[in-house]
Amino acid sequence: NEKNVMASCSCDRTIKIWDVRAEPSQACMLTQGNAHFSDVNVIDWNPSDPFIISGGDDGIIKVWDLRSFGGISDPVATFKHHTSPVTTFGNRRVRNLVRLRLTADLWKWSLSEVDTEVFRNARSKAKI
């Protein structure tokens, strides 16, 4: 929950966390390399949770745990339900994701139902 920190994504397949108080040459605090197989189009971050969500041209939505973020770490959840690029999504809290495509398909996921040991462990640590 840091008001001086922001996140960005890029066509270079990275997600970066920035400290806006720092000098521009030193502002990048963390970089997640190869976050997607192609361009990262959209990210969302609820500052009260330690998770960031990303969507890319590869049609994949990924959930990252900021406590182990950076370098080439693995996401805590991956959703591969789209056949076209993910360009937008909305959420009220990280555990509920909604995505609307131009084809009028609507997908909703509840991260509390993701059946992976890694995510259950991350969720219990974050108490979401």
N, C-alpha and C. Protein backbone atom coordinates (compact mmCIF):
# COMPACT_ATOMS: atom_id res chain seq x y z
N ASN A 1 0.84 -1.18 0.00
CA ASN A 1 0.00 0.00 0.00
C ASN A 1 0.89 1.24 0.00
N GLU A 2 1.55 1.48 -1.09
CA GLU A 2 2.52 2.56 -1.21
C GLU A 2 2.06 3.54 -2.29
N LYS A 3 1.75 4.77 -1.90
CA LYS A 3 1.22 5.75 -2.85
C LYS A 3 2.27 6.30 -3.81
N ASN A 4 3.54 6.06 -3.56
CA ASN A 4 4.59 6.57 -4.42
C ASN A 4 5.14 5.52 -5.38
N VAL A 5 4.42 4.44 -5.51
CA VAL A 5 4.86 3.35 -6.39
C VAL A 5 3.82 3.16 -7.49
N MET A 6 4.28 2.94 -8.71
CA MET A 6 3.39 2.68 -9.84
C MET A 6 3.93 1.51 -10.65
N ALA A 7 3.07 0.95 -11.49
CA ALA A 7 3.46 -0.18 -12.34
C ALA A 7 3.23 0.19 -13.80
N SER A 8 4.02 -0.42 -14.69
CA SER A 8 3.85 -0.22 -16.12
C SER A 8 4.08 -1.54 -16.85
N CYS A 9 3.53 -1.61 -18.07
CA CYS A 9 3.76 -2.79 -18.91
C CYS A 9 4.17 -2.31 -20.30
N SER A 10 4.70 -3.24 -21.11
CA SER A 10 5.29 -2.79 -22.36
C SER A 10 5.28 -3.88 -23.44
N CYS A 11 5.51 -3.43 -24.67
CA CYS A 11 5.64 -4.37 -25.78
C CYS A 11 6.96 -5.13 -25.73
N ASP A 12 7.84 -4.80 -24.79
CA ASP A 12 9.08 -5.56 -24.63
C ASP A 12 8.88 -6.77 -23.70
N ARG A 13 7.60 -7.09 -23.40
CA ARG A 13 7.18 -8.27 -22.61
C ARG A 13 7.51 -8.13 -21.12
N THR A 14 7.72 -6.91 -20.64
CA THR A 14 8.06 -6.72 -19.23
C THR A 14 6.95 -6.01 -18.47
N ILE A 15 6.96 -6.20 -17.16
CA ILE A 15 6.16 -5.42 -16.22
C ILE A 15 7.18 -4.80 -15.26
N LYS A 16 7.03 -3.51 -15.02
CA LYS A 16 8.00 -2.83 -14.16
C LYS A 16 7.28 -2.10 -13.02
N ILE A 17 7.93 -2.08 -11.87
CA ILE A 17 7.46 -1.36 -10.70
C ILE A 17 8.41 -0.18 -10.49
N TRP A 18 7.82 1.02 -10.33
CA TRP A 18 8.58 2.26 -10.28
C TRP A 18 8.34 3.00 -8.97
N ASP A 19 9.37 3.67 -8.48
CA ASP A 19 9.26 4.59 -7.36
C ASP A 19 9.27 5.99 -7.94
N VAL A 20 8.15 6.69 -7.87
CA VAL A 20 8.04 8.00 -8.52
C VAL A 20 8.86 9.09 -7.81
N ARG A 21 9.35 8.82 -6.61
CA ARG A 21 10.17 9.79 -5.88
C ARG A 21 11.63 9.77 -6.33
N ALA A 22 12.05 8.69 -6.97
CA ALA A 22 13.46 8.51 -7.34
C ALA A 22 13.81 9.27 -8.61
N GLU A 23 15.10 9.46 -8.81
CA GLU A 23 15.60 10.03 -10.06
C GLU A 23 15.20 9.09 -11.21
N PRO A 24 14.86 9.61 -12.38
CA PRO A 24 14.40 8.76 -13.48
C PRO A 24 15.33 7.58 -13.80
N SER A 25 16.62 7.80 -13.72
CA SER A 25 17.56 6.72 -14.04
C SER A 25 17.59 5.62 -12.98
N GLN A 26 17.03 5.89 -11.80
CA GLN A 26 17.04 4.92 -10.71
C GLN A 26 15.63 4.56 -10.23
N ALA A 27 14.61 5.00 -10.96
CA ALA A 27 13.23 4.84 -10.50
C ALA A 27 12.70 3.41 -10.63
N CYS A 28 13.23 2.62 -11.56
CA CYS A 28 12.74 1.25 -11.73
C CYS A 28 13.24 0.37 -10.60
N MET A 29 12.31 -0.09 -9.77
CA MET A 29 12.68 -0.89 -8.60
C MET A 29 12.70 -2.38 -8.92
N LEU A 30 11.73 -2.85 -9.72
CA LEU A 30 11.61 -4.27 -10.05
C LEU A 30 11.21 -4.43 -11.50
N THR A 31 11.74 -5.44 -12.15
CA THR A 31 11.34 -5.77 -13.52
C THR A 31 11.04 -7.25 -13.61
N GLN A 32 9.86 -7.58 -14.11
CA GLN A 32 9.51 -8.96 -14.40
C GLN A 32 9.74 -9.18 -15.88
N GLY A 33 10.82 -9.86 -16.22
CA GLY A 33 11.14 -10.12 -17.62
C GLY A 33 10.31 -11.27 -18.17
N ASN A 34 10.07 -11.24 -19.48
CA ASN A 34 9.30 -12.29 -20.16
C ASN A 34 8.00 -12.61 -19.43
N ALA A 35 7.26 -11.57 -19.06
CA ALA A 35 5.99 -11.75 -18.35
C ALA A 35 4.96 -12.46 -19.22
N HIS A 36 5.02 -12.26 -20.53
CA HIS A 36 4.13 -12.92 -21.49
C HIS A 36 4.96 -13.36 -22.69
N PHE A 37 4.34 -14.15 -23.57
CA PHE A 37 5.04 -14.62 -24.76
C PHE A 37 5.16 -13.53 -25.83
N SER A 38 4.37 -12.47 -25.68
CA SER A 38 4.41 -11.34 -26.60
C SER A 38 4.07 -10.07 -25.80
N ASP A 39 3.65 -9.01 -26.49
CA ASP A 39 3.39 -7.73 -25.83
C ASP A 39 2.51 -7.88 -24.59
N VAL A 40 2.84 -7.14 -23.54
CA VAL A 40 1.97 -7.03 -22.36
C VAL A 40 1.12 -5.78 -22.58
N ASN A 41 -0.20 -5.98 -22.73
CA ASN A 41 -1.09 -4.87 -23.09
C ASN A 41 -1.70 -4.14 -21.91
N VAL A 42 -1.96 -4.85 -20.83
CA VAL A 42 -2.72 -4.25 -19.75
C VAL A 42 -2.31 -4.86 -18.41
N ILE A 43 -2.30 -4.02 -17.38
CA ILE A 43 -2.05 -4.48 -16.02
C ILE A 43 -3.08 -3.83 -15.10
N ASP A 44 -3.30 -4.45 -13.97
CA ASP A 44 -4.15 -3.84 -12.95
C ASP A 44 -3.59 -4.25 -11.61
N TRP A 45 -3.70 -3.35 -10.65
CA TRP A 45 -3.09 -3.58 -9.35
C TRP A 45 -3.95 -2.90 -8.31
N ASN A 46 -4.40 -3.67 -7.37
CA ASN A 46 -5.12 -3.12 -6.23
C ASN A 46 -4.07 -2.91 -5.14
N PRO A 47 -3.74 -1.66 -4.81
CA PRO A 47 -2.65 -1.41 -3.86
C PRO A 47 -2.82 -2.05 -2.48
N SER A 48 -4.04 -2.46 -2.14
CA SER A 48 -4.22 -3.09 -0.83
C SER A 48 -3.92 -4.59 -0.87
N ASP A 49 -3.67 -5.15 -2.05
CA ASP A 49 -3.32 -6.56 -2.20
C ASP A 49 -1.93 -6.68 -2.81
N PRO A 50 -1.20 -7.74 -2.51
CA PRO A 50 0.15 -7.89 -3.06
C PRO A 50 0.17 -8.56 -4.44
N PHE A 51 -0.92 -8.42 -5.22
CA PHE A 51 -0.99 -9.08 -6.52
C PHE A 51 -1.18 -8.06 -7.63
N ILE A 52 -0.56 -8.34 -8.79
CA ILE A 52 -0.75 -7.55 -9.98
C ILE A 52 -1.22 -8.49 -11.08
N ILE A 53 -2.15 -8.03 -11.91
CA ILE A 53 -2.73 -8.84 -12.98
C ILE A 53 -2.22 -8.29 -14.30
N SER A 54 -1.89 -9.18 -15.24
CA SER A 54 -1.43 -8.74 -16.55
C SER A 54 -2.15 -9.51 -17.64
N GLY A 55 -2.32 -8.85 -18.79
CA GLY A 55 -2.91 -9.48 -19.97
C GLY A 55 -2.09 -9.12 -21.18
N GLY A 56 -1.96 -10.07 -22.10
CA GLY A 56 -1.08 -9.82 -23.24
C GLY A 56 -1.64 -10.25 -24.58
N ASP A 57 -0.84 -9.97 -25.63
CA ASP A 57 -1.19 -10.37 -26.98
C ASP A 57 -1.29 -11.89 -27.12
N ASP A 58 -0.71 -12.62 -26.17
CA ASP A 58 -0.75 -14.08 -26.21
C ASP A 58 -2.11 -14.63 -25.76
N GLY A 59 -3.06 -13.75 -25.37
CA GLY A 59 -4.38 -14.19 -24.95
C GLY A 59 -4.42 -14.73 -23.53
N ILE A 60 -3.39 -14.49 -22.77
CA ILE A 60 -3.27 -15.04 -21.42
C ILE A 60 -3.40 -13.93 -20.38
N ILE A 61 -4.08 -14.25 -19.28
CA ILE A 61 -4.12 -13.38 -18.10
C ILE A 61 -3.29 -14.06 -17.02
N LYS A 62 -2.40 -13.30 -16.40
CA LYS A 62 -1.55 -13.85 -15.34
C LYS A 62 -1.69 -13.02 -14.07
N VAL A 63 -1.56 -13.69 -12.94
CA VAL A 63 -1.59 -13.04 -11.64
C VAL A 63 -0.22 -13.22 -11.01
N TRP A 64 0.39 -12.11 -10.62
CA TRP A 64 1.74 -12.11 -10.07
C TRP A 64 1.69 -11.72 -8.60
N ASP A 65 2.51 -12.35 -7.78
CA ASP A 65 2.65 -12.02 -6.38
C ASP A 65 3.83 -11.06 -6.24
N LEU A 66 3.57 -9.82 -5.84
CA LEU A 66 4.63 -8.82 -5.76
C LEU A 66 5.68 -9.13 -4.70
N ARG A 67 5.37 -10.02 -3.78
CA ARG A 67 6.35 -10.38 -2.75
C ARG A 67 7.46 -11.25 -3.32
N SER A 68 7.23 -11.87 -4.48
CA SER A 68 8.29 -12.68 -5.12
C SER A 68 8.47 -12.23 -6.57
N PHE A 69 8.19 -10.98 -6.84
CA PHE A 69 8.18 -10.41 -8.19
C PHE A 69 9.58 -9.99 -8.60
N GLY A 70 9.87 -10.12 -9.87
CA GLY A 70 11.13 -9.62 -10.41
C GLY A 70 11.95 -10.74 -11.02
N GLY A 71 12.82 -10.35 -11.93
CA GLY A 71 13.63 -11.34 -12.63
C GLY A 71 12.77 -12.15 -13.58
N ILE A 72 12.83 -13.45 -13.43
CA ILE A 72 12.02 -14.35 -14.24
C ILE A 72 11.26 -15.27 -13.29
N SER A 73 10.37 -14.72 -12.50
CA SER A 73 9.59 -15.54 -11.56
C SER A 73 8.32 -16.04 -12.24
N ASP A 74 7.67 -17.01 -11.63
CA ASP A 74 6.44 -17.58 -12.18
C ASP A 74 5.22 -16.89 -11.60
N PRO A 75 4.16 -16.75 -12.40
CA PRO A 75 2.92 -16.20 -11.87
C PRO A 75 2.27 -17.19 -10.91
N VAL A 76 1.41 -16.69 -10.01
CA VAL A 76 0.70 -17.58 -9.08
C VAL A 76 -0.55 -18.15 -9.70
N ALA A 77 -1.04 -17.55 -10.79
CA ALA A 77 -2.19 -18.09 -11.52
C ALA A 77 -2.09 -17.66 -12.97
N THR A 78 -2.54 -18.54 -13.88
CA THR A 78 -2.52 -18.27 -15.31
C THR A 78 -3.85 -18.72 -15.90
N PHE A 79 -4.46 -17.85 -16.69
CA PHE A 79 -5.74 -18.14 -17.33
C PHE A 79 -5.55 -18.11 -18.85
N LYS A 80 -5.76 -19.23 -19.51
CA LYS A 80 -5.55 -19.35 -20.95
C LYS A 80 -6.87 -19.62 -21.66
N HIS A 81 -7.83 -18.72 -21.53
CA HIS A 81 -9.16 -18.94 -22.09
C HIS A 81 -9.46 -18.10 -23.32
N HIS A 82 -8.55 -17.25 -23.74
CA HIS A 82 -8.81 -16.36 -24.86
C HIS A 82 -7.99 -16.77 -26.07
N THR A 83 -8.58 -16.57 -27.24
CA THR A 83 -7.88 -16.89 -28.48
C THR A 83 -7.38 -15.63 -29.18
N SER A 84 -7.66 -14.48 -28.61
CA SER A 84 -7.17 -13.22 -29.15
C SER A 84 -6.53 -12.41 -28.02
N PRO A 85 -5.86 -11.32 -28.35
CA PRO A 85 -5.16 -10.55 -27.32
C PRO A 85 -6.08 -10.07 -26.20
N VAL A 86 -5.55 -10.03 -25.00
CA VAL A 86 -6.24 -9.45 -23.85
C VAL A 86 -5.85 -7.98 -23.82
N THR A 87 -6.84 -7.12 -24.01
CA THR A 87 -6.55 -5.68 -24.08
C THR A 87 -7.16 -4.89 -22.93
N THR A 88 -8.05 -5.49 -22.20
CA THR A 88 -8.65 -4.80 -21.06
C THR A 88 -9.29 -5.80 -20.12
N PHE A 89 -9.38 -5.46 -18.87
CA PHE A 89 -10.16 -6.22 -17.91
C PHE A 89 -10.47 -5.31 -16.73
N GLY A 90 -11.44 -5.71 -15.95
CA GLY A 90 -11.81 -4.92 -14.79
C GLY A 90 -11.89 -5.84 -13.59
N ASN A 91 -11.73 -5.27 -12.44
CA ASN A 91 -11.86 -6.06 -11.22
C ASN A 91 -12.28 -5.16 -10.08
N ARG A 92 -12.94 -5.73 -9.14
CA ARG A 92 -13.25 -5.00 -7.91
C ARG A 92 -12.19 -5.30 -6.88
N ARG A 93 -11.79 -6.53 -6.83
CA ARG A 93 -10.64 -6.98 -6.05
C ARG A 93 -9.94 -8.00 -6.92
N VAL A 94 -8.70 -8.26 -6.65
CA VAL A 94 -7.93 -9.16 -7.50
C VAL A 94 -8.57 -10.54 -7.60
N ARG A 95 -9.30 -10.98 -6.61
CA ARG A 95 -9.84 -12.33 -6.67
C ARG A 95 -10.98 -12.51 -7.66
N ASN A 96 -11.56 -11.43 -8.19
CA ASN A 96 -12.62 -11.54 -9.18
C ASN A 96 -12.24 -10.76 -10.43
N LEU A 97 -12.11 -11.46 -11.54
CA LEU A 97 -11.71 -10.83 -12.79
C LEU A 97 -12.84 -10.92 -13.79
N VAL A 98 -13.03 -9.86 -14.55
CA VAL A 98 -14.01 -9.88 -15.63
C VAL A 98 -13.33 -9.35 -16.87
N ARG A 99 -13.58 -9.98 -18.00
CA ARG A 99 -13.00 -9.53 -19.26
C ARG A 99 -14.07 -9.54 -20.33
N LEU A 100 -14.20 -8.46 -21.09
CA LEU A 100 -15.17 -8.36 -22.17
C LEU A 100 -14.42 -8.18 -23.48
N ARG A 101 -14.74 -9.02 -24.47
CA ARG A 101 -14.11 -8.92 -25.78
C ARG A 101 -15.06 -8.24 -26.76
N LEU A 102 -14.55 -7.81 -27.88
CA LEU A 102 -15.39 -7.19 -28.90
C LEU A 102 -16.44 -8.17 -29.43
N THR A 103 -16.19 -9.45 -29.32
CA THR A 103 -17.15 -10.45 -29.79
C THR A 103 -18.28 -10.65 -28.79
N ALA A 104 -18.30 -9.87 -27.73
CA ALA A 104 -19.32 -9.90 -26.68
C ALA A 104 -19.21 -11.14 -25.79
N ASP A 105 -18.08 -11.83 -25.85
CA ASP A 105 -17.86 -12.92 -24.91
C ASP A 105 -17.54 -12.31 -23.55
N LEU A 106 -18.08 -12.89 -22.51
CA LEU A 106 -17.80 -12.42 -21.17
C LEU A 106 -17.26 -13.57 -20.36
N TRP A 107 -16.10 -13.36 -19.78
CA TRP A 107 -15.48 -14.38 -18.94
C TRP A 107 -15.35 -13.82 -17.54
N LYS A 108 -15.65 -14.63 -16.56
CA LYS A 108 -15.44 -14.23 -15.17
C LYS A 108 -14.73 -15.37 -14.48
N TRP A 109 -13.69 -15.04 -13.74
CA TRP A 109 -12.95 -16.03 -12.99
C TRP A 109 -12.94 -15.65 -11.53
N SER A 110 -13.00 -16.62 -10.69
CA SER A 110 -12.83 -16.39 -9.27
C SER A 110 -11.53 -17.05 -8.87
N LEU A 111 -10.56 -16.25 -8.46
CA LEU A 111 -9.26 -16.79 -8.10
C LEU A 111 -9.34 -17.68 -6.87
N SER A 112 -10.38 -17.53 -6.09
CA SER A 112 -10.52 -18.40 -4.91
C SER A 112 -10.81 -19.84 -5.32
N GLU A 113 -11.17 -20.06 -6.60
CA GLU A 113 -11.44 -21.42 -7.08
C GLU A 113 -10.29 -22.01 -7.88
N VAL A 114 -9.22 -21.24 -8.08
CA VAL A 114 -8.07 -21.76 -8.82
C VAL A 114 -7.45 -22.90 -8.01
N ASP A 115 -7.28 -24.04 -8.64
CA ASP A 115 -6.84 -25.22 -7.92
C ASP A 115 -5.34 -25.47 -8.12
N THR A 116 -4.54 -24.56 -7.59
CA THR A 116 -3.10 -24.79 -7.62
C THR A 116 -2.55 -24.58 -6.22
N GLU A 117 -1.64 -25.41 -5.83
CA GLU A 117 -1.05 -25.31 -4.50
C GLU A 117 -0.33 -23.98 -4.31
N VAL A 118 0.34 -23.52 -5.37
CA VAL A 118 1.09 -22.27 -5.28
C VAL A 118 0.15 -21.12 -4.95
N PHE A 119 -1.00 -21.04 -5.64
CA PHE A 119 -1.89 -19.93 -5.40
C PHE A 119 -2.55 -20.03 -4.04
N ARG A 120 -2.91 -21.24 -3.60
CA ARG A 120 -3.51 -21.39 -2.28
C ARG A 120 -2.53 -20.91 -1.21
N ASN A 121 -1.26 -21.23 -1.38
CA ASN A 121 -0.26 -20.77 -0.42
C ASN A 121 -0.13 -19.26 -0.44
N ALA A 122 -0.09 -18.67 -1.64
CA ALA A 122 0.04 -17.21 -1.74
C ALA A 122 -1.19 -16.54 -1.15
N ARG A 123 -2.37 -17.10 -1.43
CA ARG A 123 -3.61 -16.50 -0.93
C ARG A 123 -3.68 -16.55 0.59
N SER A 124 -3.23 -17.64 1.18
CA SER A 124 -3.29 -17.73 2.63
C SER A 124 -2.29 -16.77 3.29
N LYS A 125 -1.15 -16.53 2.65
CA LYS A 125 -0.19 -15.58 3.18
C LYS A 125 -0.73 -14.17 3.11
N ALA A 126 -1.47 -13.85 2.02
CA ALA A 126 -1.99 -12.50 1.82
C ALA A 126 -3.34 -12.30 2.53
N LYS A 127 -3.96 -13.40 2.96
CA LYS A 127 -5.26 -13.35 3.64
C LYS A 127 -6.31 -12.67 2.79
N ILE A 128 -6.40 -13.06 1.50
CA ILE A 128 -7.44 -12.48 0.65
C ILE A 128 -8.61 -13.41 0.56
